[in-house]
């Protein structure tokens, strides 16, 4: 198998991504794969994306989703695991993520405002800032290329600045997440804290009260 494949399963069409060197090569492979099936798909068709090794490629998820959607498809789910040709109904899926569709822009997409509780196994994936008005339950996840604000209780996983922006911020009214990541920095919060902003200072992630936070001079 090459780096990608298209399969029909009980869930519908699945774009399976096994491995790739860089995004430009992956996008070229995806474009070529769909061009070979010209006439089979129509604009607005819904498909799922399956990534064999999500941890390895997690930083690229927002860009992959945006690229596929710019081709005219609607991404319904991000699946993780291994696809077996012989038993497509027994796909090994470690986690299913509900994808919040993003708009188009030259750099980061406009801020995405989500008004609901994100439950275990669900996620918000957006190539821009995310404002969640609701709770992020344990097992839920927010993956953002920009800042993340949770106007509620954050107990799941928050990944901000996934493209490498160390100036990204994470705010939550009540923060006790399983994990917080800003760019390449990862931290755990041992106990619940309220009205906290997480940000990177001097090569370290720190947590400060929103009304006491002091950013580095020259932060953009």
N, C-alpha and C. Protein backbone atom coordinates (compact mmCIF):
# COMPACT_ATOMS: atom_id res chain seq x y z
N UNK A 1 0.84 -1.20 0.00
CA UNK A 1 0.00 0.00 0.00
C UNK A 1 0.87 1.24 0.00
N UNK A 2 0.41 2.30 -0.72
CA UNK A 2 1.12 3.55 -0.70
C UNK A 2 0.83 4.31 0.58
N UNK A 3 1.07 5.62 0.53
CA UNK A 3 0.87 6.41 1.73
C UNK A 3 -0.61 6.61 2.05
N UNK A 4 -1.47 6.55 1.00
CA UNK A 4 -2.90 6.75 1.22
C UNK A 4 -3.70 5.72 0.42
N UNK A 5 -4.97 5.60 0.78
CA UNK A 5 -5.87 4.71 0.05
C UNK A 5 -7.30 5.19 0.30
N UNK A 6 -8.19 4.85 -0.63
CA UNK A 6 -9.61 5.15 -0.47
C UNK A 6 -10.36 3.84 -0.37
N UNK A 7 -11.22 3.72 0.63
CA UNK A 7 -11.96 2.48 0.84
C UNK A 7 -13.43 2.76 1.06
N UNK A 8 -14.26 1.84 0.64
CA UNK A 8 -15.69 1.88 0.95
C UNK A 8 -15.93 0.96 2.14
N UNK A 9 -16.52 1.46 3.20
CA UNK A 9 -16.82 0.66 4.38
C UNK A 9 -18.28 0.89 4.76
N UNK A 10 -18.70 0.28 5.84
CA UNK A 10 -20.06 0.48 6.33
C UNK A 10 -20.29 1.92 6.75
N UNK A 11 -19.21 2.64 7.02
CA UNK A 11 -19.30 4.05 7.39
C UNK A 11 -19.31 4.95 6.17
N UNK A 12 -19.12 4.38 4.99
CA UNK A 12 -19.03 5.18 3.78
C UNK A 12 -17.60 5.23 3.28
N UNK A 13 -17.26 6.30 2.58
CA UNK A 13 -15.91 6.44 2.02
C UNK A 13 -14.94 6.86 3.12
N UNK A 14 -13.81 6.17 3.18
CA UNK A 14 -12.77 6.49 4.15
C UNK A 14 -11.47 6.76 3.42
N UNK A 15 -10.87 7.92 3.67
CA UNK A 15 -9.53 8.23 3.18
C UNK A 15 -8.54 7.77 4.23
N UNK A 16 -7.81 6.69 3.92
CA UNK A 16 -6.87 6.10 4.87
C UNK A 16 -5.48 6.65 4.63
N UNK A 17 -4.88 7.24 5.66
CA UNK A 17 -3.54 7.81 5.59
C UNK A 17 -2.62 6.96 6.45
N UNK A 18 -1.69 6.29 5.79
CA UNK A 18 -0.79 5.40 6.52
C UNK A 18 0.47 6.13 6.98
N UNK A 19 1.18 6.71 6.04
CA UNK A 19 2.41 7.44 6.38
C UNK A 19 2.76 8.38 5.25
N UNK A 20 3.54 9.40 5.56
CA UNK A 20 3.98 10.35 4.55
C UNK A 20 5.21 11.08 5.08
N UNK A 21 5.95 11.67 4.15
CA UNK A 21 7.18 12.37 4.52
C UNK A 21 6.86 13.79 4.98
N UNK A 22 6.06 14.49 4.17
CA UNK A 22 5.66 15.85 4.52
C UNK A 22 4.28 16.13 3.93
N UNK A 23 3.71 17.26 4.32
CA UNK A 23 2.35 17.57 3.88
C UNK A 23 2.25 17.81 2.39
N UNK A 24 3.26 18.42 1.78
CA UNK A 24 3.20 18.67 0.34
C UNK A 24 3.11 17.36 -0.43
N UNK A 25 3.87 16.36 0.01
CA UNK A 25 3.82 15.05 -0.65
C UNK A 25 2.48 14.39 -0.41
N UNK A 26 1.96 14.51 0.82
CA UNK A 26 0.66 13.92 1.14
C UNK A 26 -0.45 14.56 0.30
N UNK A 27 -0.45 15.90 0.21
CA UNK A 27 -1.50 16.59 -0.54
C UNK A 27 -1.43 16.23 -2.03
N UNK A 28 -0.21 16.05 -2.55
CA UNK A 28 -0.06 15.65 -3.95
C UNK A 28 -0.63 14.25 -4.15
N UNK A 29 -0.39 13.35 -3.20
CA UNK A 29 -0.90 11.98 -3.29
C UNK A 29 -2.44 11.98 -3.21
N UNK A 30 -2.99 12.81 -2.33
CA UNK A 30 -4.45 12.87 -2.20
C UNK A 30 -5.08 13.40 -3.49
N UNK A 31 -4.50 14.46 -4.03
CA UNK A 31 -5.00 15.04 -5.28
C UNK A 31 -4.95 14.02 -6.40
N UNK A 32 -3.84 13.30 -6.50
CA UNK A 32 -3.69 12.29 -7.55
C UNK A 32 -4.69 11.15 -7.37
N UNK A 33 -4.91 10.73 -6.13
CA UNK A 33 -5.84 9.63 -5.86
C UNK A 33 -7.26 10.00 -6.30
N UNK A 34 -7.69 11.21 -5.96
CA UNK A 34 -9.05 11.62 -6.33
C UNK A 34 -9.18 11.88 -7.83
N UNK A 35 -8.09 12.34 -8.47
CA UNK A 35 -8.15 12.57 -9.92
C UNK A 35 -8.32 11.26 -10.68
N UNK A 36 -7.81 10.17 -10.11
CA UNK A 36 -7.98 8.86 -10.73
C UNK A 36 -9.43 8.40 -10.69
N UNK A 37 -10.20 8.98 -9.76
CA UNK A 37 -11.61 8.61 -9.61
C UNK A 37 -12.53 9.75 -10.04
N UNK A 38 -12.08 10.50 -11.02
CA UNK A 38 -12.85 11.64 -11.52
C UNK A 38 -14.23 11.19 -11.98
N UNK A 39 -15.26 11.86 -11.46
CA UNK A 39 -16.63 11.50 -11.83
C UNK A 39 -17.32 10.63 -10.80
N UNK A 40 -16.53 10.02 -9.91
CA UNK A 40 -17.12 9.17 -8.88
C UNK A 40 -17.68 10.00 -7.73
N UNK A 41 -16.99 11.12 -7.42
CA UNK A 41 -17.42 11.98 -6.32
C UNK A 41 -18.03 13.26 -6.86
N UNK A 42 -18.89 13.87 -6.06
CA UNK A 42 -19.48 15.16 -6.39
C UNK A 42 -19.23 16.13 -5.25
N UNK A 43 -19.17 17.44 -5.54
CA UNK A 43 -18.93 18.42 -4.47
C UNK A 43 -19.93 18.28 -3.33
N UNK A 44 -19.41 18.33 -2.12
CA UNK A 44 -20.27 18.20 -0.94
C UNK A 44 -20.36 16.79 -0.40
N UNK A 45 -19.76 15.81 -1.09
CA UNK A 45 -19.77 14.44 -0.59
C UNK A 45 -19.08 14.37 0.77
N UNK A 46 -19.60 13.50 1.62
CA UNK A 46 -19.05 13.34 2.97
C UNK A 46 -18.12 12.14 3.02
N UNK A 47 -16.99 12.30 3.70
CA UNK A 47 -16.08 11.18 3.88
C UNK A 47 -15.44 11.26 5.26
N UNK A 48 -14.82 10.17 5.66
CA UNK A 48 -14.07 10.12 6.92
C UNK A 48 -12.59 10.03 6.61
N UNK A 49 -11.78 10.48 7.52
CA UNK A 49 -10.33 10.39 7.37
C UNK A 49 -9.81 9.46 8.47
N UNK A 50 -9.06 8.44 8.07
CA UNK A 50 -8.46 7.53 9.04
C UNK A 50 -6.94 7.72 9.01
N UNK A 51 -6.37 7.99 10.17
CA UNK A 51 -4.93 8.19 10.29
C UNK A 51 -4.37 7.05 11.13
N UNK A 52 -3.46 6.30 10.55
CA UNK A 52 -2.93 5.11 11.22
C UNK A 52 -2.22 5.47 12.53
N UNK A 53 -1.38 6.51 12.49
CA UNK A 53 -0.60 6.88 13.67
C UNK A 53 -0.93 8.33 14.03
N UNK A 54 -1.98 8.52 14.83
CA UNK A 54 -2.45 9.87 15.15
C UNK A 54 -1.42 10.64 15.96
N UNK A 55 -0.74 9.98 16.88
CA UNK A 55 0.23 10.69 17.71
C UNK A 55 1.36 11.28 16.87
N UNK A 56 1.79 10.53 15.85
CA UNK A 56 2.89 10.97 15.00
C UNK A 56 2.49 12.17 14.16
N UNK A 57 1.23 12.19 13.69
CA UNK A 57 0.80 13.21 12.75
C UNK A 57 -0.23 14.18 13.35
N UNK A 58 -0.37 14.21 14.68
CA UNK A 58 -1.42 15.03 15.31
C UNK A 58 -1.29 16.51 14.94
N UNK A 59 -0.06 16.99 14.79
CA UNK A 59 0.14 18.41 14.49
C UNK A 59 -0.37 18.79 13.11
N UNK A 60 -0.58 17.80 12.23
CA UNK A 60 -1.00 18.08 10.86
C UNK A 60 -2.51 17.93 10.64
N UNK A 61 -3.25 17.48 11.65
CA UNK A 61 -4.65 17.13 11.45
C UNK A 61 -5.46 18.31 10.92
N UNK A 62 -5.27 19.50 11.51
CA UNK A 62 -6.07 20.65 11.08
C UNK A 62 -5.82 20.97 9.61
N UNK A 63 -4.57 20.90 9.17
CA UNK A 63 -4.24 21.22 7.78
C UNK A 63 -4.76 20.15 6.83
N UNK A 64 -4.74 18.88 7.25
CA UNK A 64 -5.26 17.81 6.40
C UNK A 64 -6.76 17.98 6.21
N UNK A 65 -7.47 18.26 7.30
CA UNK A 65 -8.92 18.47 7.21
C UNK A 65 -9.23 19.66 6.31
N UNK A 66 -8.51 20.77 6.50
CA UNK A 66 -8.74 21.96 5.68
C UNK A 66 -8.49 21.68 4.21
N UNK A 67 -7.44 20.93 3.89
CA UNK A 67 -7.11 20.63 2.50
C UNK A 67 -8.22 19.80 1.84
N UNK A 68 -8.68 18.77 2.55
CA UNK A 68 -9.73 17.91 2.00
C UNK A 68 -11.03 18.69 1.81
N UNK A 69 -11.33 19.57 2.75
CA UNK A 69 -12.56 20.36 2.63
C UNK A 69 -12.47 21.37 1.49
N UNK A 70 -11.27 21.91 1.25
CA UNK A 70 -11.10 22.84 0.13
C UNK A 70 -11.25 22.12 -1.21
N UNK A 71 -11.10 20.80 -1.21
CA UNK A 71 -11.34 20.02 -2.42
C UNK A 71 -12.84 19.84 -2.67
N UNK A 72 -13.65 20.25 -1.70
CA UNK A 72 -15.09 20.19 -1.88
C UNK A 72 -15.79 19.11 -1.09
N UNK A 73 -15.06 18.41 -0.22
CA UNK A 73 -15.66 17.34 0.57
C UNK A 73 -16.00 17.84 1.97
N UNK A 74 -16.89 17.12 2.64
CA UNK A 74 -17.23 17.38 4.02
C UNK A 74 -16.65 16.26 4.88
N UNK A 75 -15.79 16.62 5.82
CA UNK A 75 -15.18 15.62 6.69
C UNK A 75 -16.10 15.36 7.86
N UNK A 76 -16.59 14.13 7.97
CA UNK A 76 -17.52 13.77 9.02
C UNK A 76 -16.85 13.29 10.28
N UNK A 77 -15.78 12.50 10.13
CA UNK A 77 -15.10 11.93 11.29
C UNK A 77 -13.61 11.81 11.02
N UNK A 78 -12.84 11.86 12.10
CA UNK A 78 -11.43 11.48 12.07
C UNK A 78 -11.35 10.16 12.81
N UNK A 79 -10.87 9.12 12.14
CA UNK A 79 -10.73 7.80 12.75
C UNK A 79 -9.25 7.51 12.96
N UNK A 80 -8.97 6.70 13.94
CA UNK A 80 -7.59 6.38 14.27
C UNK A 80 -7.43 4.88 14.36
N UNK A 81 -6.43 4.33 13.70
CA UNK A 81 -6.19 2.90 13.83
C UNK A 81 -5.72 2.28 12.54
N UNK A 82 -6.06 1.04 12.35
CA UNK A 82 -5.60 0.23 11.23
C UNK A 82 -6.80 -0.21 10.41
N UNK A 83 -6.68 -0.09 9.09
CA UNK A 83 -7.75 -0.55 8.21
C UNK A 83 -7.35 -1.88 7.59
N UNK A 84 -8.22 -2.87 7.75
CA UNK A 84 -7.95 -4.20 7.22
C UNK A 84 -8.85 -4.45 6.03
N UNK A 85 -8.27 -4.75 4.87
CA UNK A 85 -9.04 -4.97 3.65
C UNK A 85 -10.07 -6.08 3.81
N UNK A 86 -9.67 -7.15 4.48
CA UNK A 86 -10.52 -8.33 4.56
C UNK A 86 -11.67 -8.15 5.54
N UNK A 87 -11.45 -7.34 6.55
CA UNK A 87 -12.50 -7.17 7.57
C UNK A 87 -12.75 -5.69 7.83
N UNK A 88 -13.31 -4.97 6.83
CA UNK A 88 -13.54 -3.54 7.01
C UNK A 88 -14.52 -3.24 8.12
N UNK A 89 -15.37 -4.22 8.48
CA UNK A 89 -16.32 -3.98 9.55
C UNK A 89 -15.69 -4.18 10.92
N UNK A 90 -14.40 -4.53 10.95
CA UNK A 90 -13.70 -4.70 12.21
C UNK A 90 -12.48 -3.79 12.27
N UNK A 91 -12.67 -2.58 11.80
CA UNK A 91 -11.58 -1.61 11.83
C UNK A 91 -11.19 -1.33 13.28
N UNK A 92 -9.90 -1.37 13.56
CA UNK A 92 -9.43 -1.07 14.90
C UNK A 92 -9.38 0.45 15.07
N UNK A 93 -10.33 0.98 15.81
CA UNK A 93 -10.41 2.43 16.00
C UNK A 93 -10.17 2.76 17.46
N UNK A 94 -9.11 3.48 17.74
CA UNK A 94 -8.81 3.84 19.13
C UNK A 94 -9.68 5.00 19.61
N UNK A 95 -10.02 5.89 18.67
CA UNK A 95 -10.76 7.08 19.09
C UNK A 95 -11.50 7.66 17.90
N UNK A 96 -12.72 8.11 18.11
CA UNK A 96 -13.49 8.76 17.06
C UNK A 96 -13.68 10.22 17.44
N UNK A 97 -13.41 11.07 16.50
CA UNK A 97 -13.48 12.50 16.77
C UNK A 97 -14.52 13.16 15.89
N UNK A 98 -15.46 13.92 16.47
CA UNK A 98 -16.39 14.71 15.69
C UNK A 98 -15.69 16.00 15.29
N UNK A 99 -15.64 16.25 14.00
CA UNK A 99 -14.87 17.38 13.48
C UNK A 99 -15.78 18.59 13.31
N UNK A 100 -15.35 19.72 13.84
CA UNK A 100 -16.04 20.97 13.60
C UNK A 100 -15.45 21.58 12.36
N UNK A 101 -16.26 21.75 11.31
CA UNK A 101 -15.76 22.24 10.04
C UNK A 101 -15.25 23.66 10.17
N UNK A 102 -14.17 23.95 9.47
CA UNK A 102 -13.57 25.27 9.52
C UNK A 102 -13.78 25.99 8.20
N UNK A 103 -13.81 27.33 8.29
CA UNK A 103 -13.92 28.13 7.08
C UNK A 103 -12.57 28.28 6.41
N UNK A 104 -12.53 29.04 5.34
CA UNK A 104 -11.29 29.22 4.60
C UNK A 104 -10.69 30.58 4.90
N UNK A 105 -9.35 30.65 4.92
CA UNK A 105 -8.64 31.91 5.09
C UNK A 105 -7.23 31.73 4.61
N UNK A 106 -6.51 32.83 4.47
CA UNK A 106 -5.14 32.76 3.97
C UNK A 106 -4.20 32.23 5.04
N UNK A 107 -4.50 32.50 6.30
CA UNK A 107 -3.61 32.03 7.37
C UNK A 107 -4.42 31.18 8.33
N UNK A 108 -4.75 31.71 9.49
CA UNK A 108 -5.62 30.98 10.40
C UNK A 108 -7.07 31.29 10.06
N UNK A 109 -7.91 30.32 10.22
CA UNK A 109 -9.33 30.52 9.97
C UNK A 109 -9.95 31.39 11.05
N UNK A 110 -11.12 31.96 10.79
CA UNK A 110 -11.79 32.78 11.81
C UNK A 110 -12.05 31.96 13.08
N UNK A 111 -12.20 32.66 14.18
CA UNK A 111 -12.45 32.00 15.47
C UNK A 111 -13.71 31.12 15.38
N UNK A 112 -13.59 29.92 15.90
CA UNK A 112 -14.72 28.99 15.95
C UNK A 112 -15.33 29.03 17.33
N UNK A 113 -16.61 29.35 17.41
CA UNK A 113 -17.33 29.37 18.68
C UNK A 113 -18.24 28.15 18.73
N UNK A 114 -18.05 27.32 19.74
CA UNK A 114 -18.83 26.09 19.88
C UNK A 114 -19.62 26.16 21.17
N UNK A 115 -20.94 25.98 21.08
CA UNK A 115 -21.82 26.08 22.24
C UNK A 115 -22.39 24.72 22.57
N UNK A 116 -21.64 23.92 23.26
CA UNK A 116 -22.11 22.61 23.70
C UNK A 116 -21.06 21.97 24.60
N UNK A 117 -21.41 20.87 25.20
CA UNK A 117 -20.45 20.08 25.97
C UNK A 117 -19.75 19.10 25.05
N UNK A 118 -18.43 19.05 25.13
CA UNK A 118 -17.65 18.09 24.35
C UNK A 118 -17.43 16.87 25.23
N UNK A 119 -18.02 15.76 24.83
CA UNK A 119 -17.99 14.56 25.66
C UNK A 119 -16.83 13.65 25.28
N UNK A 120 -16.64 12.59 26.05
CA UNK A 120 -15.56 11.63 25.80
C UNK A 120 -15.66 11.07 24.39
N UNK A 121 -14.53 11.08 23.66
CA UNK A 121 -14.50 10.57 22.30
C UNK A 121 -14.81 11.61 21.24
N UNK A 122 -15.21 12.82 21.67
CA UNK A 122 -15.48 13.90 20.73
C UNK A 122 -14.33 14.89 20.74
N UNK A 123 -14.25 15.71 19.68
CA UNK A 123 -13.19 16.71 19.62
C UNK A 123 -13.62 17.88 18.77
N UNK A 124 -13.05 19.02 19.05
CA UNK A 124 -13.11 20.19 18.17
C UNK A 124 -11.75 20.27 17.51
N UNK A 125 -11.73 20.31 16.19
CA UNK A 125 -10.48 20.43 15.43
C UNK A 125 -10.63 21.65 14.53
N UNK A 126 -9.80 22.67 14.74
CA UNK A 126 -9.99 23.91 13.98
C UNK A 126 -8.65 24.57 13.69
N UNK A 127 -8.51 25.07 12.47
CA UNK A 127 -7.29 25.74 12.04
C UNK A 127 -7.37 27.23 12.39
N UNK A 128 -7.55 27.51 13.67
CA UNK A 128 -7.69 28.88 14.15
C UNK A 128 -8.02 28.87 15.62
N UNK A 129 -8.41 30.02 16.17
CA UNK A 129 -8.77 30.10 17.59
C UNK A 129 -10.09 29.37 17.85
N UNK A 130 -10.22 28.82 19.06
CA UNK A 130 -11.44 28.11 19.45
C UNK A 130 -11.96 28.68 20.77
N UNK A 131 -13.26 28.99 20.79
CA UNK A 131 -13.94 29.37 22.03
C UNK A 131 -15.02 28.33 22.28
N UNK A 132 -14.89 27.59 23.36
CA UNK A 132 -15.87 26.58 23.73
C UNK A 132 -16.72 27.14 24.87
N UNK A 133 -18.02 27.33 24.60
CA UNK A 133 -18.96 27.77 25.63
C UNK A 133 -19.67 26.51 26.14
N UNK A 134 -19.10 25.93 27.14
CA UNK A 134 -19.57 24.65 27.64
C UNK A 134 -18.41 23.92 28.28
N UNK A 135 -18.63 22.68 28.68
CA UNK A 135 -17.60 21.90 29.35
C UNK A 135 -16.84 21.01 28.37
N UNK A 136 -15.58 20.77 28.68
CA UNK A 136 -14.77 19.80 27.96
C UNK A 136 -14.58 18.61 28.90
N UNK A 137 -15.37 17.56 28.67
CA UNK A 137 -15.35 16.42 29.57
C UNK A 137 -14.07 15.60 29.42
N UNK A 138 -13.79 14.79 30.43
CA UNK A 138 -12.65 13.87 30.36
C UNK A 138 -12.81 12.97 29.15
N UNK A 139 -11.75 12.81 28.37
CA UNK A 139 -11.81 12.01 27.15
C UNK A 139 -12.14 12.82 25.91
N UNK A 140 -12.56 14.09 26.10
CA UNK A 140 -12.78 14.99 24.98
C UNK A 140 -11.50 15.73 24.66
N UNK A 141 -11.49 16.41 23.51
CA UNK A 141 -10.26 17.05 23.08
C UNK A 141 -10.54 18.29 22.24
N UNK A 142 -9.71 19.30 22.42
CA UNK A 142 -9.72 20.48 21.56
C UNK A 142 -8.34 20.58 20.90
N UNK A 143 -8.31 20.61 19.58
CA UNK A 143 -7.07 20.75 18.82
C UNK A 143 -7.18 22.03 18.01
N UNK A 144 -6.32 23.00 18.30
CA UNK A 144 -6.43 24.32 17.68
C UNK A 144 -5.07 24.80 17.20
N UNK A 145 -5.09 25.47 16.04
CA UNK A 145 -3.86 26.08 15.54
C UNK A 145 -3.56 27.39 16.26
N UNK A 146 -4.56 27.92 16.99
CA UNK A 146 -4.38 29.18 17.70
C UNK A 146 -4.64 29.05 19.18
N UNK A 147 -5.40 30.00 19.72
CA UNK A 147 -5.72 30.03 21.15
C UNK A 147 -6.95 29.17 21.44
N UNK A 148 -7.07 28.74 22.70
CA UNK A 148 -8.23 27.98 23.15
C UNK A 148 -8.78 28.61 24.41
N UNK A 149 -10.08 28.92 24.40
CA UNK A 149 -10.76 29.43 25.59
C UNK A 149 -11.92 28.50 25.91
N UNK A 150 -11.99 28.03 27.14
CA UNK A 150 -13.08 27.16 27.58
C UNK A 150 -13.88 27.91 28.63
N UNK A 151 -15.08 28.33 28.26
CA UNK A 151 -15.94 29.05 29.20
C UNK A 151 -16.81 28.02 29.92
N UNK A 152 -16.12 27.24 30.72
CA UNK A 152 -16.73 26.15 31.45
C UNK A 152 -15.63 25.35 32.12
N UNK A 153 -15.89 24.08 32.37
CA UNK A 153 -14.91 23.22 33.03
C UNK A 153 -14.12 22.42 31.99
N UNK A 154 -12.80 22.50 32.06
CA UNK A 154 -11.93 21.79 31.12
C UNK A 154 -11.29 20.60 31.82
N UNK A 155 -11.75 19.39 31.46
CA UNK A 155 -11.20 18.18 32.07
C UNK A 155 -10.61 17.22 31.04
N UNK A 156 -10.68 17.57 29.78
CA UNK A 156 -10.14 16.71 28.73
C UNK A 156 -8.74 17.13 28.32
N UNK A 157 -8.44 16.99 27.03
CA UNK A 157 -7.13 17.33 26.48
C UNK A 157 -7.25 18.59 25.64
N UNK A 158 -6.35 19.54 25.87
CA UNK A 158 -6.33 20.79 25.11
C UNK A 158 -4.98 20.91 24.41
N UNK A 159 -5.04 21.08 23.09
CA UNK A 159 -3.81 21.29 22.31
C UNK A 159 -3.97 22.60 21.55
N UNK A 160 -3.17 23.60 21.89
CA UNK A 160 -3.21 24.90 21.23
C UNK A 160 -1.91 25.12 20.46
N UNK A 161 -1.98 26.00 19.47
CA UNK A 161 -0.76 26.31 18.70
C UNK A 161 -0.14 25.09 18.06
N UNK A 162 -0.97 24.19 17.51
CA UNK A 162 -0.45 22.91 17.02
C UNK A 162 0.45 23.06 15.80
N UNK A 163 0.45 24.24 15.17
CA UNK A 163 1.36 24.49 14.05
C UNK A 163 2.73 24.98 14.55
N UNK A 164 2.85 25.12 15.86
CA UNK A 164 4.14 25.54 16.42
C UNK A 164 4.15 26.94 17.00
N UNK A 165 2.97 27.60 17.11
CA UNK A 165 2.91 28.96 17.63
C UNK A 165 3.00 28.96 19.16
N UNK A 166 4.17 29.30 19.68
CA UNK A 166 4.38 29.30 21.13
C UNK A 166 3.69 30.47 21.83
N UNK A 167 3.18 31.44 21.06
CA UNK A 167 2.46 32.56 21.66
C UNK A 167 0.99 32.25 21.91
N UNK A 168 0.57 31.05 21.55
CA UNK A 168 -0.83 30.67 21.77
C UNK A 168 -1.12 30.56 23.27
N UNK A 169 -2.39 30.81 23.61
CA UNK A 169 -2.82 30.79 25.00
C UNK A 169 -3.93 29.77 25.20
N UNK A 170 -4.04 29.28 26.43
CA UNK A 170 -5.16 28.41 26.83
C UNK A 170 -5.80 29.03 28.07
N UNK A 171 -7.08 29.29 28.00
CA UNK A 171 -7.81 29.83 29.15
C UNK A 171 -8.99 28.93 29.48
N UNK A 172 -9.26 28.75 30.76
CA UNK A 172 -10.45 28.01 31.18
C UNK A 172 -10.97 28.61 32.48
N UNK A 173 -12.29 28.68 32.61
CA UNK A 173 -12.89 29.15 33.85
C UNK A 173 -12.56 28.18 34.98
N UNK A 174 -12.61 26.89 34.66
CA UNK A 174 -12.23 25.85 35.62
C UNK A 174 -11.34 24.86 34.89
N UNK A 175 -10.09 24.74 35.30
CA UNK A 175 -9.12 23.93 34.57
C UNK A 175 -8.59 22.78 35.42
N UNK A 176 -8.87 21.58 34.97
CA UNK A 176 -8.30 20.38 35.56
C UNK A 176 -8.16 19.34 34.45
N UNK A 177 -7.44 19.70 33.37
CA UNK A 177 -7.40 18.85 32.18
C UNK A 177 -6.47 17.66 32.33
N UNK A 178 -6.69 16.66 31.47
CA UNK A 178 -5.80 15.51 31.44
C UNK A 178 -4.43 15.91 30.92
N UNK A 179 -4.43 16.90 30.00
CA UNK A 179 -3.17 17.34 29.41
C UNK A 179 -3.41 18.68 28.74
N UNK A 180 -2.41 19.57 28.83
CA UNK A 180 -2.42 20.84 28.10
C UNK A 180 -1.16 20.89 27.25
N UNK A 181 -1.33 21.23 25.98
CA UNK A 181 -0.18 21.35 25.08
C UNK A 181 -0.25 22.69 24.36
N UNK A 182 0.86 23.41 24.35
CA UNK A 182 1.00 24.62 23.55
C UNK A 182 2.24 24.44 22.69
N UNK A 183 2.03 24.41 21.37
CA UNK A 183 3.12 24.11 20.44
C UNK A 183 3.79 22.80 20.88
N UNK A 184 5.09 22.83 21.19
CA UNK A 184 5.78 21.60 21.59
C UNK A 184 5.87 21.41 23.09
N UNK A 185 5.20 22.24 23.87
CA UNK A 185 5.27 22.17 25.33
C UNK A 185 4.03 21.46 25.88
N UNK A 186 4.26 20.52 26.78
CA UNK A 186 3.18 19.72 27.35
C UNK A 186 3.24 19.82 28.87
N UNK A 187 2.07 19.94 29.50
CA UNK A 187 2.02 20.01 30.96
C UNK A 187 0.75 19.33 31.46
N UNK A 188 0.79 18.91 32.70
CA UNK A 188 -0.36 18.33 33.38
C UNK A 188 -0.73 19.24 34.56
N UNK A 189 -2.02 19.34 34.84
CA UNK A 189 -2.49 20.16 35.96
C UNK A 189 -2.91 19.22 37.07
N UNK A 190 -2.16 19.16 38.16
CA UNK A 190 -2.42 18.16 39.21
C UNK A 190 -3.71 18.37 39.98
N UNK A 191 -4.21 19.62 40.02
CA UNK A 191 -5.44 19.88 40.77
C UNK A 191 -6.23 20.97 40.07
N UNK A 192 -7.50 21.05 40.40
CA UNK A 192 -8.37 22.00 39.74
C UNK A 192 -8.01 23.43 40.11
N UNK A 193 -7.92 24.29 39.08
CA UNK A 193 -7.66 25.71 39.29
C UNK A 193 -8.69 26.49 38.49
N UNK A 194 -8.98 27.71 38.90
CA UNK A 194 -10.04 28.49 38.26
C UNK A 194 -9.50 29.78 37.65
N UNK A 195 -10.12 30.17 36.53
CA UNK A 195 -9.77 31.42 35.82
C UNK A 195 -8.27 31.50 35.53
N UNK A 196 -7.77 30.46 34.90
CA UNK A 196 -6.34 30.32 34.67
C UNK A 196 -6.02 30.46 33.18
N UNK A 197 -4.89 31.11 32.90
CA UNK A 197 -4.35 31.18 31.55
C UNK A 197 -3.03 30.41 31.53
N UNK A 198 -2.90 29.49 30.59
CA UNK A 198 -1.65 28.78 30.37
C UNK A 198 -0.94 29.41 29.19
N UNK A 199 0.35 29.67 29.34
CA UNK A 199 1.13 30.23 28.24
C UNK A 199 2.59 29.86 28.43
N UNK A 200 3.37 30.09 27.40
CA UNK A 200 4.79 29.72 27.42
C UNK A 200 5.63 30.95 27.73
N UNK A 201 6.51 30.79 28.72
CA UNK A 201 7.44 31.87 29.08
C UNK A 201 8.82 31.28 29.32
N UNK A 202 9.79 31.82 28.65
CA UNK A 202 11.19 31.40 28.83
C UNK A 202 11.36 29.88 28.68
N UNK A 203 10.71 29.33 27.66
CA UNK A 203 10.87 27.91 27.37
C UNK A 203 10.15 26.98 28.32
N UNK A 204 9.14 27.50 29.02
CA UNK A 204 8.40 26.67 29.96
C UNK A 204 6.93 27.09 29.97
N UNK A 205 6.02 26.12 30.07
CA UNK A 205 4.62 26.45 30.18
C UNK A 205 4.29 26.80 31.63
N UNK A 206 3.61 27.93 31.81
CA UNK A 206 3.24 28.34 33.15
C UNK A 206 1.73 28.62 33.19
N UNK A 207 1.18 28.60 34.41
CA UNK A 207 -0.25 28.81 34.62
C UNK A 207 -0.42 29.98 35.59
N UNK A 208 -1.20 30.98 35.16
CA UNK A 208 -1.39 32.17 35.98
C UNK A 208 -2.86 32.59 35.97
N UNK A 209 -3.29 33.24 37.05
CA UNK A 209 -4.63 33.81 37.11
C UNK A 209 -4.77 34.84 35.98
N UNK A 210 -5.96 34.88 35.38
CA UNK A 210 -6.16 35.76 34.23
C UNK A 210 -5.87 37.22 34.55
N UNK A 211 -6.12 37.66 35.80
CA UNK A 211 -5.91 39.05 36.17
C UNK A 211 -4.51 39.31 36.74
N UNK A 212 -3.67 38.27 36.72
CA UNK A 212 -2.31 38.42 37.22
C UNK A 212 -1.26 38.05 36.17
N UNK A 213 -1.72 37.62 34.99
CA UNK A 213 -0.80 37.12 33.99
C UNK A 213 0.11 38.23 33.48
N UNK A 214 1.38 37.91 33.32
CA UNK A 214 2.38 38.85 32.79
C UNK A 214 3.11 38.15 31.65
N UNK A 215 2.90 38.66 30.46
CA UNK A 215 3.53 38.06 29.29
C UNK A 215 4.93 38.61 29.11
N UNK A 216 5.74 37.88 28.33
CA UNK A 216 7.07 38.37 28.01
C UNK A 216 6.98 39.69 27.25
N UNK A 217 7.90 40.58 27.50
CA UNK A 217 7.95 41.83 26.74
C UNK A 217 8.22 41.50 25.29
N UNK A 218 7.44 42.11 24.42
CA UNK A 218 7.65 41.87 22.98
C UNK A 218 6.81 40.76 22.43
N UNK A 219 5.93 40.17 23.27
CA UNK A 219 5.03 39.15 22.74
C UNK A 219 4.13 39.78 21.70
N UNK A 220 3.88 39.02 20.59
CA UNK A 220 3.02 39.55 19.55
C UNK A 220 1.59 39.11 19.78
